[in-house]
């Protein structure tokens, strides 16, 4: 890992994903349960936020602070690409302190969410 590395992940959200997340989270707001005038079901912001957290999980990142800015709604059928950039890496005795930032874009290239994270990755001790 180096400062400047970018890791990406993409996912297409389905109505089933949105309905399951509503049950798991308890957030059963009407906009997550009833399709809009265009027949679309809106995904939860925190469901969209699973994209950068999935990348963090792949790195064994333990979050201490997460910041999200939700810019546009995401709907069932949207494919979202998330790019996480490592902006700070600071070695410590047992941890690597990590700061990252991300941007998530829909299939039209429009930003739907940005954010950043601060946390640690445990260092492997010999």
Foldseek 3Di string as FASTA:
>chain_A
DDAFDKDKDKDAAALVNLVVVCVVVVPPPVLQVAADPVRWRWHDPVSVVVGVVVVCVVQQWDFPDKDKDFDDIDTHGKMKMKMKGWHDWPDDDFWTWTKIKMFIATPVRHTGMIIMTTTIHTDDDD
